Amino acid sequence: KTRLAIEVGRDDLMNSRHGDGVWWIELAGVAQPEAVPLAITKALGIRNNSDETLQDALANFVRTRRLLIILDNCEHLLDACAEWAIFLLQQSEQVHILTTSREPLDVMGERVWQNNTLAVPEAPLMLRHLLLQYDSVRLIHE
């Protein structure tokens, strides 16, 4: 899931689909749902001043930007990720969110892509050109 999201983000950057960039937010190390907005603001480089809430700081940041935000490893924080994804999407029509998770967020408008297991070569194939016939090897190789 993560590797596919990286490829989507890289392709998005190369094709300049989102003029203000692709932002990666790693959530594997986030243990508490309350820490999700802090992880997002930190990854986006938002410095929160004491006059505004974290929510206001996020809203002000995304409101005028064209962004792809990738939330990686959401499965243990589904409700919090859904809540903050909805919030961010409501701030701007120019913001898009890609999440990786074993479970869908179950929010309106969500599109789910199932990742089927990619074929792997049987041992002991060693020739590069033979290995590159397999999607799993090409994905990691590129």
N, C-alpha and C. Protein backbone atom coordinates (compact mmCIF):
# COMPACT_ATOMS: atom_id res chain seq x y z
N LYS A 1 0.83 -1.19 0.00
CA LYS A 1 0.00 0.00 0.00
C LYS A 1 0.87 1.25 0.00
N THR A 2 1.83 1.26 0.89
CA THR A 2 2.70 2.42 1.01
C THR A 2 3.47 2.66 -0.27
N ARG A 3 4.04 1.60 -0.82
CA ARG A 3 4.84 1.74 -2.04
C ARG A 3 3.99 2.27 -3.19
N LEU A 4 2.77 1.78 -3.30
CA LEU A 4 1.87 2.28 -4.35
C LEU A 4 1.54 3.75 -4.15
N ALA A 5 1.32 4.15 -2.90
CA ALA A 5 1.03 5.56 -2.61
C ALA A 5 2.24 6.43 -2.96
N ILE A 6 3.43 5.94 -2.68
CA ILE A 6 4.65 6.68 -3.05
C ILE A 6 4.69 6.88 -4.56
N GLU A 7 4.38 5.84 -5.30
CA GLU A 7 4.39 5.94 -6.76
C GLU A 7 3.35 6.94 -7.26
N VAL A 8 2.16 6.92 -6.67
CA VAL A 8 1.12 7.88 -7.06
C VAL A 8 1.61 9.30 -6.77
N GLY A 9 2.18 9.52 -5.59
CA GLY A 9 2.68 10.84 -5.23
C GLY A 9 3.79 11.29 -6.16
N ARG A 10 4.70 10.38 -6.48
CA ARG A 10 5.81 10.73 -7.38
C ARG A 10 5.28 11.08 -8.77
N ASP A 11 4.34 10.30 -9.27
CA ASP A 11 3.74 10.58 -10.57
C ASP A 11 3.02 11.93 -10.55
N ASP A 12 2.33 12.21 -9.46
CA ASP A 12 1.61 13.48 -9.32
C ASP A 12 2.59 14.65 -9.37
N LEU A 13 3.72 14.52 -8.67
CA LEU A 13 4.73 15.58 -8.68
C LEU A 13 5.33 15.77 -10.07
N MET A 14 5.65 14.66 -10.73
CA MET A 14 6.27 14.74 -12.05
C MET A 14 5.35 15.38 -13.07
N ASN A 15 4.05 15.20 -12.89
CA ASN A 15 3.08 15.75 -13.84
C ASN A 15 2.44 17.04 -13.34
N SER A 16 2.93 17.56 -12.24
CA SER A 16 2.47 18.85 -11.68
C SER A 16 0.96 18.93 -11.57
N ARG A 17 0.34 17.87 -11.11
CA ARG A 17 -1.12 17.89 -10.97
C ARG A 17 -1.57 18.80 -9.83
N HIS A 18 -0.78 18.86 -8.80
CA HIS A 18 -1.10 19.71 -7.66
C HIS A 18 0.05 20.72 -7.50
N GLY A 19 -0.23 21.94 -7.88
CA GLY A 19 0.82 22.96 -7.95
C GLY A 19 1.51 23.25 -6.64
N ASP A 20 0.86 23.00 -5.53
CA ASP A 20 1.48 23.28 -4.24
C ASP A 20 2.05 22.03 -3.57
N GLY A 21 2.10 20.95 -4.34
CA GLY A 21 2.85 19.80 -3.88
C GLY A 21 2.06 18.61 -3.37
N VAL A 22 2.84 17.59 -3.12
CA VAL A 22 2.36 16.34 -2.54
C VAL A 22 2.95 16.25 -1.14
N TRP A 23 2.10 15.99 -0.18
CA TRP A 23 2.53 15.99 1.22
C TRP A 23 2.30 14.61 1.83
N TRP A 24 3.35 14.05 2.38
CA TRP A 24 3.33 12.70 2.95
C TRP A 24 3.17 12.80 4.46
N ILE A 25 2.16 12.13 4.99
CA ILE A 25 1.93 12.13 6.44
C ILE A 25 1.93 10.68 6.91
N GLU A 26 2.99 10.31 7.59
CA GLU A 26 3.18 8.95 8.09
C GLU A 26 2.48 8.82 9.43
N LEU A 27 1.53 7.89 9.52
CA LEU A 27 0.75 7.74 10.74
C LEU A 27 1.04 6.44 11.51
N ALA A 28 1.96 5.65 11.02
CA ALA A 28 2.26 4.38 11.70
C ALA A 28 2.69 4.60 13.15
N GLY A 29 3.43 5.65 13.41
CA GLY A 29 3.91 5.92 14.76
C GLY A 29 2.97 6.74 15.62
N VAL A 30 1.83 7.11 15.08
CA VAL A 30 0.86 7.90 15.84
C VAL A 30 -0.06 6.93 16.59
N ALA A 31 -0.02 6.99 17.91
CA ALA A 31 -0.75 6.02 18.72
C ALA A 31 -2.17 6.48 19.09
N GLN A 32 -2.36 7.78 19.26
CA GLN A 32 -3.64 8.29 19.73
C GLN A 32 -4.36 9.08 18.64
N PRO A 33 -5.66 8.91 18.52
CA PRO A 33 -6.42 9.66 17.52
C PRO A 33 -6.28 11.17 17.65
N GLU A 34 -6.12 11.65 18.90
CA GLU A 34 -5.99 13.09 19.12
C GLU A 34 -4.70 13.66 18.50
N ALA A 35 -3.74 12.79 18.20
CA ALA A 35 -2.46 13.24 17.65
C ALA A 35 -2.47 13.37 16.13
N VAL A 36 -3.54 12.94 15.48
CA VAL A 36 -3.60 13.01 14.02
C VAL A 36 -3.47 14.44 13.50
N PRO A 37 -4.23 15.42 14.01
CA PRO A 37 -4.07 16.78 13.47
C PRO A 37 -2.67 17.34 13.71
N LEU A 38 -2.04 16.97 14.81
CA LEU A 38 -0.68 17.42 15.07
C LEU A 38 0.29 16.82 14.06
N ALA A 39 0.11 15.54 13.74
CA ALA A 39 0.95 14.89 12.73
C ALA A 39 0.77 15.57 11.37
N ILE A 40 -0.45 15.93 11.05
CA ILE A 40 -0.73 16.59 9.77
C ILE A 40 -0.07 17.96 9.73
N THR A 41 -0.27 18.77 10.76
CA THR A 41 0.32 20.12 10.76
C THR A 41 1.84 20.06 10.73
N LYS A 42 2.41 19.12 11.46
CA LYS A 42 3.86 18.98 11.47
C LYS A 42 4.39 18.62 10.09
N ALA A 43 3.75 17.65 9.44
CA ALA A 43 4.18 17.23 8.10
C ALA A 43 4.02 18.34 7.07
N LEU A 44 2.99 19.16 7.23
CA LEU A 44 2.76 20.27 6.30
C LEU A 44 3.64 21.48 6.62
N GLY A 45 4.38 21.41 7.71
CA GLY A 45 5.27 22.50 8.08
C GLY A 45 4.53 23.72 8.62
N ILE A 46 3.36 23.49 9.16
CA ILE A 46 2.56 24.60 9.69
C ILE A 46 3.03 24.93 11.11
N ARG A 47 3.35 26.17 11.30
CA ARG A 47 3.70 26.65 12.65
C ARG A 47 2.47 27.34 13.22
N ASN A 48 1.96 26.76 14.27
CA ASN A 48 0.74 27.27 14.87
C ASN A 48 1.08 28.38 15.87
N ASN A 49 0.53 29.57 15.63
CA ASN A 49 0.73 30.63 16.62
C ASN A 49 -0.34 30.51 17.70
N SER A 50 -0.10 31.15 18.79
CA SER A 50 -1.00 31.01 19.94
C SER A 50 -2.38 31.63 19.73
N ASP A 51 -2.54 32.43 18.68
CA ASP A 51 -3.82 33.10 18.44
C ASP A 51 -4.84 32.23 17.71
N GLU A 52 -4.40 31.11 17.14
CA GLU A 52 -5.34 30.29 16.38
C GLU A 52 -5.26 28.83 16.82
N THR A 53 -6.37 28.16 16.63
CA THR A 53 -6.42 26.74 16.97
C THR A 53 -5.71 25.94 15.88
N LEU A 54 -5.41 24.69 16.18
CA LEU A 54 -4.81 23.80 15.20
C LEU A 54 -5.73 23.68 13.98
N GLN A 55 -7.01 23.59 14.24
CA GLN A 55 -8.00 23.49 13.17
C GLN A 55 -7.96 24.73 12.27
N ASP A 56 -7.89 25.92 12.88
CA ASP A 56 -7.81 27.15 12.10
C ASP A 56 -6.52 27.21 11.29
N ALA A 57 -5.42 26.78 11.89
CA ALA A 57 -4.13 26.80 11.20
C ALA A 57 -4.17 25.88 9.97
N LEU A 58 -4.74 24.70 10.13
CA LEU A 58 -4.87 23.79 8.99
C LEU A 58 -5.78 24.37 7.92
N ALA A 59 -6.90 24.91 8.34
CA ALA A 59 -7.85 25.50 7.38
C ALA A 59 -7.19 26.64 6.60
N ASN A 60 -6.50 27.50 7.29
CA ASN A 60 -5.83 28.63 6.62
C ASN A 60 -4.75 28.16 5.66
N PHE A 61 -4.07 27.09 6.00
CA PHE A 61 -2.99 26.59 5.15
C PHE A 61 -3.54 26.00 3.86
N VAL A 62 -4.56 25.16 3.95
CA VAL A 62 -5.04 24.46 2.75
C VAL A 62 -6.00 25.27 1.90
N ARG A 63 -6.61 26.28 2.47
CA ARG A 63 -7.69 27.01 1.80
C ARG A 63 -7.33 27.52 0.41
N THR A 64 -6.12 27.97 0.19
CA THR A 64 -5.74 28.57 -1.09
C THR A 64 -4.74 27.72 -1.87
N ARG A 65 -4.55 26.48 -1.45
CA ARG A 65 -3.53 25.65 -2.09
C ARG A 65 -4.13 24.47 -2.86
N ARG A 66 -3.35 24.04 -3.87
CA ARG A 66 -3.67 22.82 -4.63
C ARG A 66 -2.72 21.74 -4.14
N LEU A 67 -3.25 20.80 -3.35
CA LEU A 67 -2.43 19.82 -2.67
C LEU A 67 -2.94 18.40 -2.88
N LEU A 68 -2.00 17.47 -2.85
CA LEU A 68 -2.33 16.06 -2.65
C LEU A 68 -1.73 15.70 -1.30
N ILE A 69 -2.58 15.30 -0.38
CA ILE A 69 -2.14 14.89 0.96
C ILE A 69 -2.29 13.38 1.05
N ILE A 70 -1.19 12.71 1.35
CA ILE A 70 -1.20 11.26 1.49
C ILE A 70 -1.10 10.91 2.96
N LEU A 71 -2.14 10.27 3.47
CA LEU A 71 -2.16 9.79 4.85
C LEU A 71 -1.83 8.30 4.81
N ASP A 72 -0.65 7.95 5.28
CA ASP A 72 -0.18 6.57 5.19
C ASP A 72 -0.38 5.82 6.51
N ASN A 73 -0.91 4.63 6.41
CA ASN A 73 -1.13 3.74 7.56
C ASN A 73 -2.25 4.26 8.48
N CYS A 74 -3.44 4.34 7.95
CA CYS A 74 -4.59 4.86 8.68
C CYS A 74 -5.35 3.80 9.48
N GLU A 75 -5.06 2.54 9.28
CA GLU A 75 -5.94 1.49 9.80
C GLU A 75 -6.20 1.54 11.30
N HIS A 76 -5.26 2.01 12.09
CA HIS A 76 -5.46 2.05 13.54
C HIS A 76 -6.07 3.38 14.01
N LEU A 77 -6.34 4.27 13.07
CA LEU A 77 -6.87 5.61 13.39
C LEU A 77 -8.00 5.98 12.43
N LEU A 78 -8.82 5.02 12.06
CA LEU A 78 -9.82 5.24 11.00
C LEU A 78 -10.73 6.43 11.27
N ASP A 79 -11.31 6.50 12.45
CA ASP A 79 -12.26 7.58 12.74
C ASP A 79 -11.58 8.95 12.69
N ALA A 80 -10.41 9.05 13.29
CA ALA A 80 -9.69 10.33 13.30
C ALA A 80 -9.25 10.72 11.88
N CYS A 81 -8.78 9.75 11.12
CA CYS A 81 -8.37 10.05 9.74
C CYS A 81 -9.57 10.47 8.90
N ALA A 82 -10.69 9.80 9.09
CA ALA A 82 -11.90 10.18 8.36
C ALA A 82 -12.33 11.59 8.72
N GLU A 83 -12.33 11.90 10.01
CA GLU A 83 -12.73 13.23 10.47
C GLU A 83 -11.85 14.32 9.89
N TRP A 84 -10.54 14.13 9.92
CA TRP A 84 -9.63 15.16 9.44
C TRP A 84 -9.57 15.22 7.92
N ALA A 85 -9.77 14.09 7.26
CA ALA A 85 -9.83 14.10 5.80
C ALA A 85 -11.04 14.91 5.34
N ILE A 86 -12.18 14.67 5.97
CA ILE A 86 -13.39 15.43 5.64
C ILE A 86 -13.16 16.91 5.89
N PHE A 87 -12.59 17.23 7.03
CA PHE A 87 -12.33 18.63 7.37
C PHE A 87 -11.45 19.30 6.30
N LEU A 88 -10.36 18.65 5.94
CA LEU A 88 -9.44 19.23 4.95
C LEU A 88 -10.10 19.39 3.59
N LEU A 89 -10.88 18.40 3.19
CA LEU A 89 -11.56 18.47 1.90
C LEU A 89 -12.62 19.57 1.87
N GLN A 90 -13.21 19.87 3.01
CA GLN A 90 -14.21 20.93 3.09
C GLN A 90 -13.58 22.32 2.97
N GLN A 91 -12.30 22.43 3.20
CA GLN A 91 -11.64 23.73 3.18
C GLN A 91 -11.31 24.20 1.76
N SER A 92 -11.14 23.25 0.84
CA SER A 92 -10.75 23.62 -0.51
C SER A 92 -11.10 22.51 -1.49
N GLU A 93 -11.62 22.89 -2.63
CA GLU A 93 -11.89 21.92 -3.69
C GLU A 93 -10.60 21.52 -4.40
N GLN A 94 -9.51 22.21 -4.10
CA GLN A 94 -8.22 21.94 -4.74
C GLN A 94 -7.38 20.95 -3.94
N VAL A 95 -7.90 20.48 -2.83
CA VAL A 95 -7.19 19.51 -1.99
C VAL A 95 -7.73 18.12 -2.29
N HIS A 96 -6.81 17.19 -2.48
CA HIS A 96 -7.16 15.78 -2.67
C HIS A 96 -6.41 14.97 -1.63
N ILE A 97 -7.03 13.89 -1.19
CA ILE A 97 -6.43 13.06 -0.15
C ILE A 97 -6.40 11.62 -0.61
N LEU A 98 -5.23 11.01 -0.43
CA LEU A 98 -5.04 9.60 -0.69
C LEU A 98 -4.66 8.97 0.65
N THR A 99 -5.34 7.90 1.01
CA THR A 99 -5.01 7.22 2.26
C THR A 99 -4.60 5.78 1.97
N THR A 100 -3.74 5.26 2.82
CA THR A 100 -3.45 3.83 2.77
C THR A 100 -3.95 3.22 4.06
N SER A 101 -4.63 2.11 3.92
CA SER A 101 -5.21 1.47 5.09
C SER A 101 -5.70 0.07 4.69
N ARG A 102 -5.80 -0.78 5.66
CA ARG A 102 -6.38 -2.10 5.41
C ARG A 102 -7.89 -2.03 5.38
N GLU A 103 -8.44 -0.93 5.88
CA GLU A 103 -9.89 -0.72 5.94
C GLU A 103 -10.22 0.62 5.31
N PRO A 104 -11.38 0.73 4.66
CA PRO A 104 -11.78 2.04 4.13
C PRO A 104 -12.14 2.99 5.27
N LEU A 105 -12.06 4.30 4.98
CA LEU A 105 -12.46 5.30 5.97
C LEU A 105 -13.97 5.38 6.10
N ASP A 106 -14.66 4.95 5.08
CA ASP A 106 -16.12 4.94 5.07
C ASP A 106 -16.69 6.36 5.13
N VAL A 107 -16.18 7.21 4.24
CA VAL A 107 -16.69 8.58 4.14
C VAL A 107 -17.32 8.78 2.76
N MET A 108 -18.26 9.71 2.69
CA MET A 108 -18.94 9.99 1.44
C MET A 108 -17.92 10.44 0.38
N GLY A 109 -18.04 9.89 -0.80
CA GLY A 109 -17.17 10.25 -1.91
C GLY A 109 -15.88 9.43 -1.98
N GLU A 110 -15.67 8.58 -1.00
CA GLU A 110 -14.45 7.77 -0.97
C GLU A 110 -14.47 6.74 -2.10
N ARG A 111 -13.33 6.59 -2.74
CA ARG A 111 -13.14 5.54 -3.74
C ARG A 111 -12.11 4.57 -3.18
N VAL A 112 -12.44 3.31 -3.19
CA VAL A 112 -11.56 2.29 -2.62
C VAL A 112 -10.94 1.48 -3.74
N TRP A 113 -9.62 1.35 -3.70
CA TRP A 113 -8.90 0.48 -4.61
C TRP A 113 -8.34 -0.68 -3.81
N GLN A 114 -8.76 -1.88 -4.18
CA GLN A 114 -8.22 -3.09 -3.56
C GLN A 114 -6.89 -3.40 -4.20
N ASN A 115 -5.90 -3.68 -3.39
CA ASN A 115 -4.61 -4.13 -3.91
C ASN A 115 -4.60 -5.65 -3.88
N ASN A 116 -4.57 -6.22 -5.04
CA ASN A 116 -4.44 -7.67 -5.09
C ASN A 116 -2.98 -8.03 -4.88
N THR A 117 -2.75 -9.20 -4.39
CA THR A 117 -1.38 -9.66 -4.20
C THR A 117 -0.70 -9.72 -5.54
N LEU A 118 0.50 -9.14 -5.62
CA LEU A 118 1.25 -9.16 -6.86
C LEU A 118 2.02 -10.46 -6.98
N ALA A 119 2.12 -10.96 -8.19
CA ALA A 119 2.86 -12.21 -8.42
C ALA A 119 4.33 -12.03 -8.09
N VAL A 120 4.90 -13.03 -7.50
CA VAL A 120 6.34 -13.04 -7.20
C VAL A 120 6.96 -14.23 -7.90
N PRO A 121 8.21 -14.09 -8.28
CA PRO A 121 8.86 -15.19 -9.00
C PRO A 121 9.14 -16.37 -8.07
N GLU A 122 9.13 -17.54 -8.67
CA GLU A 122 9.52 -18.72 -7.91
C GLU A 122 11.04 -18.79 -7.88
N ALA A 123 11.60 -19.20 -6.76
CA ALA A 123 13.05 -19.36 -6.65
C ALA A 123 13.45 -20.52 -7.55
N PRO A 124 14.57 -20.54 -8.13
CA PRO A 124 15.70 -19.62 -8.01
C PRO A 124 15.91 -18.78 -9.25
N LEU A 125 14.88 -18.10 -9.76
CA LEU A 125 15.07 -17.20 -10.90
C LEU A 125 16.04 -16.09 -10.52
N MET A 126 17.08 -15.92 -11.30
CA MET A 126 18.07 -14.91 -10.95
C MET A 126 18.33 -13.91 -12.07
N LEU A 127 17.94 -14.20 -13.25
CA LEU A 127 18.23 -13.30 -14.35
C LEU A 127 17.32 -12.07 -14.27
N ARG A 128 17.93 -10.91 -14.35
CA ARG A 128 17.21 -9.64 -14.20
C ARG A 128 16.02 -9.55 -15.15
N HIS A 129 16.20 -9.87 -16.41
CA HIS A 129 15.11 -9.73 -17.38
C HIS A 129 13.95 -10.67 -17.05
N LEU A 130 14.24 -11.80 -16.44
CA LEU A 130 13.16 -12.69 -16.03
C LEU A 130 12.43 -12.14 -14.80
N LEU A 131 13.19 -11.62 -13.87
CA LEU A 131 12.58 -11.06 -12.67
C LEU A 131 11.69 -9.87 -12.99
N LEU A 132 12.10 -9.06 -13.94
CA LEU A 132 11.34 -7.85 -14.27
C LEU A 132 10.03 -8.15 -15.00
N GLN A 133 9.75 -9.42 -15.25
CA GLN A 133 8.45 -9.80 -15.82
C GLN A 133 7.35 -9.74 -14.76
N TYR A 134 7.74 -9.64 -13.50
CA TYR A 134 6.78 -9.67 -12.41
C TYR A 134 6.48 -8.25 -11.89
N ASP A 135 5.17 -7.95 -11.75
CA ASP A 135 4.75 -6.63 -11.28
C ASP A 135 5.40 -6.27 -9.96
N SER A 136 5.48 -7.22 -9.04
CA SER A 136 6.02 -6.93 -7.71
C SER A 136 7.47 -6.51 -7.80
N VAL A 137 8.25 -7.14 -8.66
CA VAL A 137 9.66 -6.79 -8.80
C VAL A 137 9.81 -5.44 -9.48
N ARG A 138 9.03 -5.20 -10.52
CA ARG A 138 9.10 -3.90 -11.21
C ARG A 138 8.73 -2.76 -10.30
N LEU A 139 7.72 -2.95 -9.45
CA LEU A 139 7.28 -1.90 -8.53
C LEU A 139 8.41 -1.51 -7.59
N ILE A 140 9.09 -2.47 -7.04
CA ILE A 140 10.18 -2.20 -6.10
C ILE A 140 11.43 -1.73 -6.81
N HIS A 141 11.65 -2.25 -8.02
CA HIS A 141 12.86 -1.92 -8.79
C HIS A 141 12.88 -0.47 -9.26
N GLU A 142 11.74 0.06 -9.63
CA GLU A 142 11.70 1.41 -10.23
C GLU A 142 11.93 2.49 -9.23
